Amino acid sequence: MTGWYPDPGGQPNRYRYWDGASWSEETSIDPADPPPGSPGRLRQQSGDENRHYGGAAFGLAALALVVVVVSTVMIIRRAGDPQALDAPPGPGASVSAWDDRSPLAGPPGPGPAQATTIPQRRQTCPGGDPDERAPHPVDGRVHGGRLSMPRAAGYSTPVPEYMLSWMSDTQGISQTTEPGWQSIFAVGELQRTAEFSTVRKAAHSSMECAIHSAWYLNLVGHKPIRDEPITIDGHDAWILTWNVYDDTPGLQVAGDQLTFLAVDDGRSDAYSMWCGMVPLGDTDRTALDGRMLADLEVGG
């Protein structure tokens, strides 16, 4: 159905128009607005509106192509069906603007008997700059913020991780586990704000940012697995792990084991972050997740 839908790129209070074939370059703050290009309609866009969408506003074809690729990677990584890129979110989709504070669907569907409902969003996720890179050693490791992790056999070469849109200086590696689903490990940097003022808040708020964005299009529930302070390479940190359940039709797994780790690396303005995402029930990748965590290093 054509119409204005919450921006799949995650911009707060922004809507993008679906014309039945593609998303508009233009965004709106009012879903009751007429379609783009209607007589008398004023263009409303933020300064970074086109971060995840290519278009003439960039003025440079090469840069527009990069942005289109970024948008495609960000959406398809968590889409249960690659064809979802060609359709607007359905009535059950969990895609929302960043500051959507309404709770998602109620009780979980068939499968995880002990899963809880998805918590209501308690804060607005900040805008980050995932591809803003700081200088890092060239040592064969994957660097982001002041954390580094090893590469993993069978995973991609390191690239900025645009799914972590509220972070900066990100780098991640990924591996397709089945069509439309991936395992991802990434590191990055998170600015300290009121909602990210402690390592515990940084881990919990990052989890909320992830599950309330376009990562999971058919989200049904979660189960807390780990929530505790730990030490990483001699630095205070907080680890939060959830089993996140998604009932996308045709998906062979029930969802992901999703972990966010926040590390106090000694700076007063930022934390270093790690994210690990592996399919539920995948024992080999779950073991890899543990090894990646154990091999994190602080510095550089």
C-alpha atoms as a PDB file:
ATOM      1  CA  MET A   1       0.000   0.000   0.000  1.00  0.00           C
ATOM      2  CA  THR A   2       1.360   3.436  -0.914  1.00  0.00           C
ATOM      3  CA  GLY A   3       1.832   6.010   1.810  1.00  0.00           C
ATOM      4  CA  TRP A   4       4.160   7.509   4.396  1.00  0.00           C
ATOM      5  CA  TYR A   5       5.946   5.004   6.645  1.00  0.00           C
ATOM      6  CA  PRO A   6       8.411   5.465   9.530  1.00  0.00           C
ATOM      7  CA  ASP A   7      11.841   6.021   7.996  1.00  0.00           C
ATOM      8  CA  PRO A   8      13.535   2.582   7.555  1.00  0.00           C
ATOM      9  CA  GLY A   9      16.861   4.377   8.051  1.00  0.00           C
ATOM     10  CA  GLY A  10      15.904   5.161  11.652  1.00  0.00           C
ATOM     11  CA  GLN A  11      15.660   8.976  11.588  1.00  0.00           C
ATOM     12  CA  PRO A  12      13.547  10.186  14.515  1.00  0.00           C
ATOM     13  CA  ASN A  13      10.132  11.662  13.713  1.00  0.00           C
ATOM     14  CA  ARG A  14      10.718  11.234   9.975  1.00  0.00           C
ATOM     15  CA  TYR A  15       8.579   9.442   7.406  1.00  0.00           C
ATOM     16  CA  ARG A  16       9.484   8.251   3.934  1.00  0.00           C
ATOM     17  CA  TYR A  17       6.963   7.726   1.119  1.00  0.00           C
ATOM     18  CA  TRP A  18       6.435   4.292  -0.485  1.00  0.00           C
ATOM     19  CA  ASP A  19       4.949   4.639  -3.998  1.00  0.00           C
ATOM     20  CA  GLY A  20       4.498   0.923  -4.567  1.00  0.00           C
ATOM     21  CA  ALA A  21       7.890   0.476  -6.203  1.00  0.00           C
ATOM     22  CA  SER A  22      10.492   2.463  -4.255  1.00  0.00           C
ATOM     23  CA  TRP A  23      11.114   4.730  -1.274  1.00  0.00           C
ATOM     24  CA  SER A  24      11.167   8.495  -1.780  1.00  0.00           C
ATOM     25  CA  GLU A  25      14.319  10.562  -1.350  1.00  0.00           C
ATOM     26  CA  GLU A  26      12.192  13.116   0.452  1.00  0.00           C
ATOM     27  CA  THR A  27      11.087  12.706   4.057  1.00  0.00           C
ATOM     28  CA  SER A  28       8.273  14.303   6.031  1.00  0.00           C
ATOM     29  CA  ILE A  29       7.540  14.989   9.670  1.00  0.00           C
ATOM     30  CA  ASP A  30       3.810  14.452   9.092  1.00  0.00           C
ATOM     31  CA  PRO A  31       2.464  11.133   7.708  1.00  0.00           C
ATOM     32  CA  ALA A  32      -0.728  12.968   6.700  1.00  0.00           C
ATOM     33  CA  ASP A  33       1.181  14.993   4.105  1.00  0.00           C
ATOM     34  CA  PRO A  34       0.342  14.529   0.410  1.00  0.00           C
ATOM     35  CA  PRO A  35       2.744  12.419  -1.687  1.00  0.00           C
ATOM     36  CA  PRO A  36       6.084  13.929  -2.737  1.00  0.00           C
ATOM     37  CA  GLY A  37       5.784  16.140  -5.776  1.00  0.00           C
ATOM     38  CA  SER A  38       2.157  17.073  -5.100  1.00  0.00           C
ATOM     39  CA  PRO A  39       1.311  20.681  -6.073  1.00  0.00           C
ATOM     40  CA  GLY A  40       2.105  23.094  -3.298  1.00  0.00           C
ATOM     41  CA  ARG A  41       4.013  20.589  -1.192  1.00  0.00           C
ATOM     42  CA  LEU A  42       7.092  22.057   0.493  1.00  0.00           C
ATOM     43  CA  ARG A  43      10.214  19.952   0.686  1.00  0.00           C
ATOM     44  CA  GLN A  44      11.039  19.024   4.305  1.00  0.00           C
ATOM     45  CA  GLN A  45      14.362  17.407   4.926  1.00  0.00           C
ATOM     46  CA  SER A  46      17.017  17.311   7.569  1.00  0.00           C
ATOM     47  CA  GLY A  47      20.651  18.005   6.895  1.00  0.00           C
ATOM     48  CA  ASP A  48      21.562  14.313   6.896  1.00  0.00           C
ATOM     49  CA  GLU A  49      18.331  13.027   5.367  1.00  0.00           C
ATOM     50  CA  ASN A  50      20.100  11.208   2.571  1.00  0.00           C
ATOM     51  CA  ARG A  51      22.701   9.436   4.718  1.00  0.00           C
ATOM     52  CA  HIS A  52      21.149   6.063   3.864  1.00  0.00           C
ATOM     53  CA  TYR A  53      19.446   6.953   0.583  1.00  0.00           C
ATOM     54  CA  GLY A  54      21.077   7.920  -2.714  1.00  0.00           C
ATOM     55  CA  GLY A  55      19.724  10.803  -4.787  1.00  0.00           C
ATOM     56  CA  ALA A  56      20.395  13.950  -6.720  1.00  0.00           C
ATOM     57  CA  ALA A  57      20.769  15.934  -3.520  1.00  0.00           C
ATOM     58  CA  PHE A  58      24.287  14.613  -3.230  1.00  0.00           C
ATOM     59  CA  GLY A  59      25.252  15.995  -6.615  1.00  0.00           C
ATOM     60  CA  LEU A  60      27.894  13.281  -6.992  1.00  0.00           C
ATOM     61  CA  ALA A  61      26.896  10.007  -8.635  1.00  0.00           C
ATOM     62  CA  ALA A  62      29.663   7.994  -6.981  1.00  0.00           C
ATOM     63  CA  LEU A  63      28.689   9.123  -3.507  1.00  0.00           C
ATOM     64  CA  ALA A  64      25.030   8.410  -4.234  1.00  0.00           C
ATOM     65  CA  LEU A  65      25.919   4.864  -5.260  1.00  0.00           C
ATOM     66  CA  VAL A  66      27.788   4.322  -1.989  1.00  0.00           C
ATOM     67  CA  VAL A  67      24.782   5.521   0.012  1.00  0.00           C
ATOM     68  CA  VAL A  68      22.416   3.226  -1.885  1.00  0.00           C
ATOM     69  CA  VAL A  69      24.693   0.267  -1.150  1.00  0.00           C
ATOM     70  CA  VAL A  70      24.850   1.247   2.521  1.00  0.00           C
ATOM     71  CA  SER A  71      21.050   1.410   2.707  1.00  0.00           C
ATOM     72  CA  THR A  72      20.709  -1.975   1.009  1.00  0.00           C
ATOM     73  CA  VAL A  73      23.197  -3.665   3.341  1.00  0.00           C
ATOM     74  CA  MET A  74      21.594  -2.158   6.427  1.00  0.00           C
ATOM     75  CA  ILE A  75      18.093  -3.361   5.538  1.00  0.00           C
ATOM     76  CA  ILE A  76      18.778  -6.743   3.956  1.00  0.00           C
ATOM     77  CA  ARG A  77      20.982  -7.967   6.816  1.00  0.00           C
ATOM     78  CA  ARG A  78      17.946  -8.369   9.028  1.00  0.00           C
ATOM     79  CA  ALA A  79      15.232  -8.916   6.401  1.00  0.00           C
ATOM     80  CA  GLY A  80      13.825 -12.432   6.500  1.00  0.00           C
ATOM     81  CA  ASP A  81      13.118 -12.253   2.756  1.00  0.00           C
ATOM     82  CA  PRO A  82      15.345 -10.382   0.288  1.00  0.00           C
ATOM     83  CA  GLN A  83      12.118  -9.358  -1.480  1.00  0.00           C
ATOM     84  CA  ALA A  84      11.326  -7.281   1.599  1.00  0.00           C
ATOM     85  CA  LEU A  85      13.503  -4.574   0.062  1.00  0.00           C
ATOM     86  CA  ASP A  86      10.804  -4.090  -2.559  1.00  0.00           C
ATOM     87  CA  ALA A  87       7.848  -3.793  -0.204  1.00  0.00           C
ATOM     88  CA  PRO A  88       6.815  -1.428   2.583  1.00  0.00           C
ATOM     89  CA  PRO A  89       6.633  -2.674   6.136  1.00  0.00           C
ATOM     90  CA  GLY A  90       3.493  -4.685   6.756  1.00  0.00           C
ATOM     91  CA  PRO A  91       1.107  -4.305   9.662  1.00  0.00           C
ATOM     92  CA  GLY A  92       3.221  -6.570  11.878  1.00  0.00           C
ATOM     93  CA  ALA A  93       6.592  -5.040  11.082  1.00  0.00           C
ATOM     94  CA  SER A  94       8.624  -3.572  13.900  1.00  0.00           C
ATOM     95  CA  VAL A  95      10.309  -0.862  11.813  1.00  0.00           C
ATOM     96  CA  SER A  96       9.878   2.438  13.633  1.00  0.00           C
ATOM     97  CA  ALA A  97      11.265   5.915  13.965  1.00  0.00           C
ATOM     98  CA  TRP A  98      13.987   6.226  16.577  1.00  0.00           C
ATOM     99  CA  ASP A  99      11.772   7.812  19.211  1.00  0.00           C
ATOM    100  CA  ASP A 100       8.773   5.491  18.849  1.00  0.00           C
ATOM    101  CA  ARG A 101       7.957   4.869  22.482  1.00  0.00           C
ATOM    102  CA  SER A 102       5.003   2.517  21.992  1.00  0.00           C
ATOM    103  CA  PRO A 103       5.559  -1.132  22.987  1.00  0.00           C
ATOM    104  CA  LEU A 104       5.777  -3.731  20.249  1.00  0.00           C
ATOM    105  CA  ALA A 105       3.542  -6.751  19.777  1.00  0.00           C
ATOM    106  CA  GLY A 106       2.330  -8.490  22.928  1.00  0.00           C
ATOM    107  CA  PRO A 107       3.003 -12.075  23.853  1.00  0.00           C
ATOM    108  CA  PRO A 108       5.499 -14.060  21.804  1.00  0.00           C
ATOM    109  CA  GLY A 109       4.242 -16.471  19.205  1.00  0.00           C
ATOM    110  CA  PRO A 110       4.988 -20.192  19.011  1.00  0.00           C
ATOM    111  CA  GLY A 111       8.474 -21.176  20.085  1.00  0.00           C
ATOM    112  CA  PRO A 112      10.222 -19.517  23.013  1.00  0.00           C
ATOM    113  CA  ALA A 113       7.930 -20.353  25.940  1.00  0.00           C
ATOM    114  CA  GLN A 114       9.946 -18.242  28.392  1.00  0.00           C
ATOM    115  CA  ALA A 115      10.431 -15.241  26.144  1.00  0.00           C
ATOM    116  CA  THR A 116       9.172 -11.919  27.440  1.00  0.00           C
ATOM    117  CA  THR A 117       7.504  -9.171  25.480  1.00  0.00           C
ATOM    118  CA  ILE A 118       9.690  -6.462  23.994  1.00  0.00           C
ATOM    119  CA  PRO A 119      10.233  -3.591  26.461  1.00  0.00           C
ATOM    120  CA  GLN A 120       8.935  -0.125  25.754  1.00  0.00           C
ATOM    121  CA  ARG A 121      11.559   2.281  24.460  1.00  0.00           C
ATOM    122  CA  ARG A 122      12.678   4.572  27.263  1.00  0.00           C
ATOM    123  CA  GLN A 123      14.944   6.949  25.344  1.00  0.00           C
ATOM    124  CA  THR A 124      15.674   8.385  21.928  1.00  0.00           C
ATOM    125  CA  CYS A 125      18.704   6.829  20.254  1.00  0.00           C
ATOM    126  CA  PRO A 126      21.306   9.405  19.231  1.00  0.00           C
ATOM    127  CA  GLY A 127      22.488   9.882  15.697  1.00  0.00           C
ATOM    128  CA  GLY A 128      25.978   8.516  15.175  1.00  0.00           C
ATOM    129  CA  ASP A 129      28.440   8.354  12.309  1.00  0.00           C
ATOM    130  CA  PRO A 130      29.357   4.688  11.782  1.00  0.00           C
ATOM    131  CA  ASP A 131      31.802   5.321   8.951  1.00  0.00           C
ATOM    132  CA  GLU A 132      33.713   8.104  10.719  1.00  0.00           C
ATOM    133  CA  ARG A 133      37.049   6.398  11.286  1.00  0.00           C
ATOM    134  CA  ALA A 134      39.759   7.307  13.767  1.00  0.00           C
ATOM    135  CA  PRO A 135      43.395   6.312  13.152  1.00  0.00           C
ATOM    136  CA  HIS A 136      44.033   2.689  14.119  1.00  0.00           C
ATOM    137  CA  PRO A 137      46.975   0.274  13.920  1.00  0.00           C
ATOM    138  CA  VAL A 138      47.245  -1.884  10.820  1.00  0.00           C
ATOM    139  CA  ASP A 139      47.787  -5.176  12.619  1.00  0.00           C
ATOM    140  CA  GLY A 140      45.298  -7.584  11.093  1.00  0.00           C
ATOM    141  CA  ARG A 141      42.729  -6.994  13.830  1.00  0.00           C
ATOM    142  CA  VAL A 142      39.331  -5.271  13.579  1.00  0.00           C
ATOM    143  CA  HIS A 143      39.400  -1.878  15.324  1.00  0.00           C
ATOM    144  CA  GLY A 144      36.649   0.466  16.519  1.00  0.00           C
ATOM    145  CA  GLY A 145      36.769   3.014  19.325  1.00  0.00           C
ATOM    146  CA  ARG A 146      39.615   1.727  21.499  1.00  0.00           C
ATOM    147  CA  LEU A 147      38.608  -1.900  21.182  1.00  0.00           C
ATOM    148  CA  SER A 148      39.955  -4.471  18.759  1.00  0.00           C
ATOM    149  CA  MET A 149      38.949  -8.032  18.006  1.00  0.00           C
ATOM    150  CA  PRO A 150      40.371 -10.767  15.792  1.00  0.00           C
ATOM    151  CA  ARG A 151      39.080 -11.553  12.346  1.00  0.00           C
ATOM    152  CA  ALA A 152      37.102 -14.766  11.950  1.00  0.00           C
ATOM    153  CA  ALA A 153      37.538 -17.427   9.275  1.00  0.00           C
ATOM    154  CA  GLY A 154      34.681 -17.392   6.783  1.00  0.00           C
ATOM    155  CA  TYR A 155      33.548 -13.885   7.743  1.00  0.00           C
ATOM    156  CA  SER A 156      33.796 -10.802   5.530  1.00  0.00           C
ATOM    157  CA  THR A 157      36.619  -8.321   5.446  1.00  0.00           C
ATOM    158  CA  PRO A 158      36.079  -5.489   7.966  1.00  0.00           C
ATOM    159  CA  VAL A 159      33.724  -2.706   6.878  1.00  0.00           C
ATOM    160  CA  PRO A 160      31.897   0.132   8.688  1.00  0.00           C
ATOM    161  CA  GLU A 161      28.895  -1.349  10.489  1.00  0.00           C
ATOM    162  CA  TYR A 162      25.959   0.858   9.517  1.00  0.00           C
ATOM    163  CA  MET A 163      23.508  -1.152  11.595  1.00  0.00           C
ATOM    164  CA  LEU A 164      25.126   0.495  14.629  1.00  0.00           C
ATOM    165  CA  SER A 165      23.772   3.845  13.491  1.00  0.00           C
ATOM    166  CA  TRP A 166      23.944   5.416  16.958  1.00  0.00           C
ATOM    167  CA  MET A 167      27.711   4.765  17.183  1.00  0.00           C
ATOM    168  CA  SER A 168      30.774   6.066  15.367  1.00  0.00           C
ATOM    169  CA  ASP A 169      34.163   4.696  14.298  1.00  0.00           C
ATOM    170  CA  THR A 170      32.580   1.278  13.690  1.00  0.00           C
ATOM    171  CA  GLN A 171      34.012  -1.747  11.944  1.00  0.00           C
ATOM    172  CA  GLY A 172      32.414  -5.144  11.628  1.00  0.00           C
ATOM    173  CA  ILE A 173      32.641  -8.543   9.984  1.00  0.00           C
ATOM    174  CA  SER A 174      29.695 -10.631   8.852  1.00  0.00           C
ATOM    175  CA  GLN A 175      28.738 -14.014   7.449  1.00  0.00           C
ATOM    176  CA  THR A 176      25.474 -15.062   5.808  1.00  0.00           C
ATOM    177  CA  THR A 177      23.947 -17.941   7.754  1.00  0.00           C
ATOM    178  CA  GLU A 178      20.876 -18.391   5.538  1.00  0.00           C
ATOM    179  CA  PRO A 179      19.222 -16.191   2.894  1.00  0.00           C
ATOM    180  CA  GLY A 180      18.435 -12.821   4.448  1.00  0.00           C
ATOM    181  CA  TRP A 181      20.098 -13.576   7.802  1.00  0.00           C
ATOM    182  CA  GLN A 182      23.629 -12.921   9.030  1.00  0.00           C
ATOM    183  CA  SER A 183      25.966 -13.316  11.956  1.00  0.00           C
ATOM    184  CA  ILE A 184      27.821 -10.114  12.803  1.00  0.00           C
ATOM    185  CA  PHE A 185      30.662  -9.057  15.100  1.00  0.00           C
ATOM    186  CA  ALA A 186      31.491  -5.361  15.379  1.00  0.00           C
ATOM    187  CA  VAL A 187      33.350  -2.784  17.460  1.00  0.00           C
ATOM    188  CA  GLY A 188      32.799   0.958  17.707  1.00  0.00           C
ATOM    189  CA  GLU A 189      32.567   4.040  19.858  1.00  0.00           C
ATOM    190  CA  LEU A 190      29.584   5.490  21.737  1.00  0.00           C
ATOM    191  CA  GLN A 191      29.439   9.056  23.006  1.00  0.00           C
ATOM    192  CA  ARG A 192      28.511   9.455  26.657  1.00  0.00           C
ATOM    193  CA  THR A 193      25.136  11.157  27.109  1.00  0.00           C
ATOM    194  CA  ALA A 194      22.510  11.118  29.844  1.00  0.00           C
ATOM    195  CA  GLU A 195      21.115   7.837  28.535  1.00  0.00           C
ATOM    196  CA  PHE A 196      24.613   6.390  28.006  1.00  0.00           C
ATOM    197  CA  SER A 197      26.239   7.734  31.171  1.00  0.00           C
ATOM    198  CA  THR A 198      27.452   4.399  32.607  1.00  0.00           C
ATOM    199  CA  VAL A 199      28.673   1.195  31.016  1.00  0.00           C
ATOM    200  CA  ARG A 200      25.476  -0.529  32.152  1.00  0.00           C
ATOM    201  CA  LYS A 201      23.287   2.162  30.571  1.00  0.00           C
ATOM    202  CA  ALA A 202      25.372   2.073  27.397  1.00  0.00           C
ATOM    203  CA  ALA A 203      24.852  -1.686  27.016  1.00  0.00           C
ATOM    204  CA  HIS A 204      21.128  -1.583  27.852  1.00  0.00           C
ATOM    205  CA  SER A 205      20.374   1.467  25.720  1.00  0.00           C
ATOM    206  CA  SER A 206      22.255  -0.028  22.776  1.00  0.00           C
ATOM    207  CA  MET A 207      20.145  -3.182  23.054  1.00  0.00           C
ATOM    208  CA  GLU A 208      16.995  -1.055  22.968  1.00  0.00           C
ATOM    209  CA  CYS A 209      18.287   0.883  19.962  1.00  0.00           C
ATOM    210  CA  ALA A 210      18.897  -2.407  18.131  1.00  0.00           C
ATOM    211  CA  ILE A 211      15.587  -4.108  18.795  1.00  0.00           C
ATOM    212  CA  HIS A 212      13.514  -0.990  18.145  1.00  0.00           C
ATOM    213  CA  SER A 213      15.126  -0.328  14.757  1.00  0.00           C
ATOM    214  CA  ALA A 214      14.971  -2.295  11.511  1.00  0.00           C
ATOM    215  CA  TRP A 215      17.153  -5.192  12.676  1.00  0.00           C
ATOM    216  CA  TYR A 216      14.173  -7.471  13.331  1.00  0.00           C
ATOM    217  CA  LEU A 217      11.158  -7.095  11.067  1.00  0.00           C
ATOM    218  CA  ASN A 218       9.046  -9.740  12.842  1.00  0.00           C
ATOM    219  CA  LEU A 219      10.131  -9.329  16.436  1.00  0.00           C
ATOM    220  CA  VAL A 220       8.089 -11.291  18.996  1.00  0.00           C
ATOM    221  CA  GLY A 221      10.024 -11.373  22.260  1.00  0.00           C
ATOM    222  CA  HIS A 222      13.280 -11.756  24.116  1.00  0.00           C
ATOM    223  CA  LYS A 223      14.844 -13.698  26.986  1.00  0.00           C
ATOM    224  CA  PRO A 224      17.602 -12.158  29.148  1.00  0.00           C
ATOM    225  CA  ILE A 225      20.676 -14.409  29.299  1.00  0.00           C
ATOM    226  CA  ARG A 226      23.432 -12.316  30.856  1.00  0.00           C
ATOM    227  CA  ASP A 227      23.457  -8.899  32.511  1.00  0.00           C
ATOM    228  CA  GLU A 228      26.496  -8.166  34.661  1.00  0.00           C
ATOM    229  CA  PRO A 229      29.714  -6.205  35.125  1.00  0.00           C
ATOM    230  CA  ILE A 230      32.892  -7.797  33.797  1.00  0.00           C
ATOM    231  CA  THR A 231      36.479  -6.785  33.094  1.00  0.00           C
ATOM    232  CA  ILE A 232      37.926  -6.538  29.585  1.00  0.00           C
ATOM    233  CA  ASP A 233      41.703  -6.308  29.316  1.00  0.00           C
ATOM    234  CA  GLY A 234      41.832  -4.722  32.785  1.00  0.00           C
ATOM    235  CA  HIS A 235      39.018  -2.223  32.135  1.00  0.00           C
ATOM    236  CA  ASP A 236      35.572  -2.064  33.726  1.00  0.00           C
ATOM    237  CA  ALA A 237      32.805  -3.134  31.365  1.00  0.00           C
ATOM    238  CA  TRP A 238      29.196  -4.275  31.273  1.00  0.00           C
ATOM    239  CA  ILE A 239      27.861  -7.171  29.200  1.00  0.00           C
ATOM    240  CA  LEU A 240      24.232  -7.677  28.200  1.00  0.00           C
ATOM    241  CA  THR A 241      23.075 -10.748  26.261  1.00  0.00           C
ATOM    242  CA  TRP A 242      19.535 -11.479  25.113  1.00  0.00           C
ATOM    243  CA  ASN A 243      17.979 -14.220  23.062  1.00  0.00           C
ATOM    244  CA  VAL A 244      15.943 -12.193  20.567  1.00  0.00           C
ATOM    245  CA  TYR A 245      13.068 -14.025  18.869  1.00  0.00           C
ATOM    246  CA  ASP A 246      11.878 -13.298  15.345  1.00  0.00           C
ATOM    247  CA  ASP A 247       9.143 -15.280  13.562  1.00  0.00           C
ATOM    248  CA  THR A 248       9.907 -14.279   9.970  1.00  0.00           C
ATOM    249  CA  PRO A 249       8.190 -16.836   7.670  1.00  0.00           C
ATOM    250  CA  GLY A 250      10.671 -19.308   6.211  1.00  0.00           C
ATOM    251  CA  LEU A 251      13.441 -18.455   8.662  1.00  0.00           C
ATOM    252  CA  GLN A 252      15.173 -21.630   9.828  1.00  0.00           C
ATOM    253  CA  VAL A 253      16.219 -20.191  13.197  1.00  0.00           C
ATOM    254  CA  ALA A 254      14.152 -18.660  15.988  1.00  0.00           C
ATOM    255  CA  GLY A 255      16.232 -15.463  16.090  1.00  0.00           C
ATOM    256  CA  ASP A 256      19.581 -14.339  17.466  1.00  0.00           C
ATOM    257  CA  GLN A 257      21.729 -14.423  20.533  1.00  0.00           C
ATOM    258  CA  LEU A 258      22.542 -10.701  20.681  1.00  0.00           C
ATOM    259  CA  THR A 259      25.225  -9.209  22.935  1.00  0.00           C
ATOM    260  CA  PHE A 260      26.274  -5.633  23.630  1.00  0.00           C
ATOM    261  CA  LEU A 261      29.389  -4.890  25.638  1.00  0.00           C
ATOM    262  CA  ALA A 262      30.323  -1.403  26.860  1.00  0.00           C
ATOM    263  CA  VAL A 263      33.903  -0.765  28.016  1.00  0.00           C
ATOM    264  CA  ASP A 264      35.175   2.153  30.056  1.00  0.00           C
ATOM    265  CA  ASP A 265      38.462   2.736  28.240  1.00  0.00           C
ATOM    266  CA  GLY A 266      39.468   5.711  30.383  1.00  0.00           C
ATOM    267  CA  ARG A 267      37.975   8.494  28.298  1.00  0.00           C
ATOM    268  CA  SER A 268      35.510  10.954  29.819  1.00  0.00           C
ATOM    269  CA  ASP A 269      33.447  11.490  26.662  1.00  0.00           C
ATOM    270  CA  ALA A 270      32.996   8.046  25.109  1.00  0.00           C
ATOM    271  CA  TYR A 271      32.875   4.291  25.650  1.00  0.00           C
ATOM    272  CA  SER A 272      34.182   1.549  23.425  1.00  0.00           C
ATOM    273  CA  MET A 273      31.532  -0.959  22.329  1.00  0.00           C
ATOM    274  CA  TRP A 274      31.372  -4.527  21.034  1.00  0.00           C
ATOM    275  CA  CYS A 275      28.415  -6.279  19.452  1.00  0.00           C
ATOM    276  CA  GLY A 276      28.107 -10.017  18.815  1.00  0.00           C
ATOM    277  CA  MET A 277      25.149 -11.499  16.938  1.00  0.00           C
ATOM    278  CA  VAL A 278      24.801 -15.220  16.164  1.00  0.00           C
ATOM    279  CA  PRO A 279      21.770 -17.342  15.243  1.00  0.00           C
ATOM    280  CA  LEU A 280      19.994 -19.053  18.117  1.00  0.00           C
ATOM    281  CA  GLY A 281      20.873 -22.734  18.436  1.00  0.00           C
ATOM    282  CA  ASP A 282      24.016 -22.404  16.298  1.00  0.00           C
ATOM    283  CA  THR A 283      26.540 -24.043  18.616  1.00  0.00           C
ATOM    284  CA  ASP A 284      29.585 -23.394  16.429  1.00  0.00           C
ATOM    285  CA  ARG A 285      28.937 -19.672  16.038  1.00  0.00           C
ATOM    286  CA  THR A 286      27.923 -19.370  19.685  1.00  0.00           C
ATOM    287  CA  ALA A 287      31.310 -20.832  20.610  1.00  0.00           C
ATOM    288  CA  LEU A 288      32.949 -18.368  18.193  1.00  0.00           C
ATOM    289  CA  ASP A 289      31.057 -15.548  19.907  1.00  0.00           C
ATOM    290  CA  GLY A 290      32.654 -16.573  23.199  1.00  0.00           C
ATOM    291  CA  ARG A 291      36.128 -16.697  21.670  1.00  0.00           C
ATOM    292  CA  MET A 292      35.712 -13.267  20.086  1.00  0.00           C
ATOM    293  CA  LEU A 293      34.668 -11.837  23.428  1.00  0.00           C
ATOM    294  CA  ALA A 294      37.602 -13.441  25.218  1.00  0.00           C
ATOM    295  CA  ASP A 295      40.071 -12.045  22.655  1.00  0.00           C
ATOM    296  CA  LEU A 296      38.989  -8.388  22.875  1.00  0.00           C
ATOM    297  CA  GLU A 297      41.798  -5.933  23.535  1.00  0.00           C
ATOM    298  CA  VAL A 298      41.680  -2.319  24.713  1.00  0.00           C
ATOM    299  CA  GLY A 299      44.017   0.218  23.117  1.00  0.00           C
ATOM    300  CA  GLY A 300      44.739   1.623  19.690  1.00  0.00           C
END
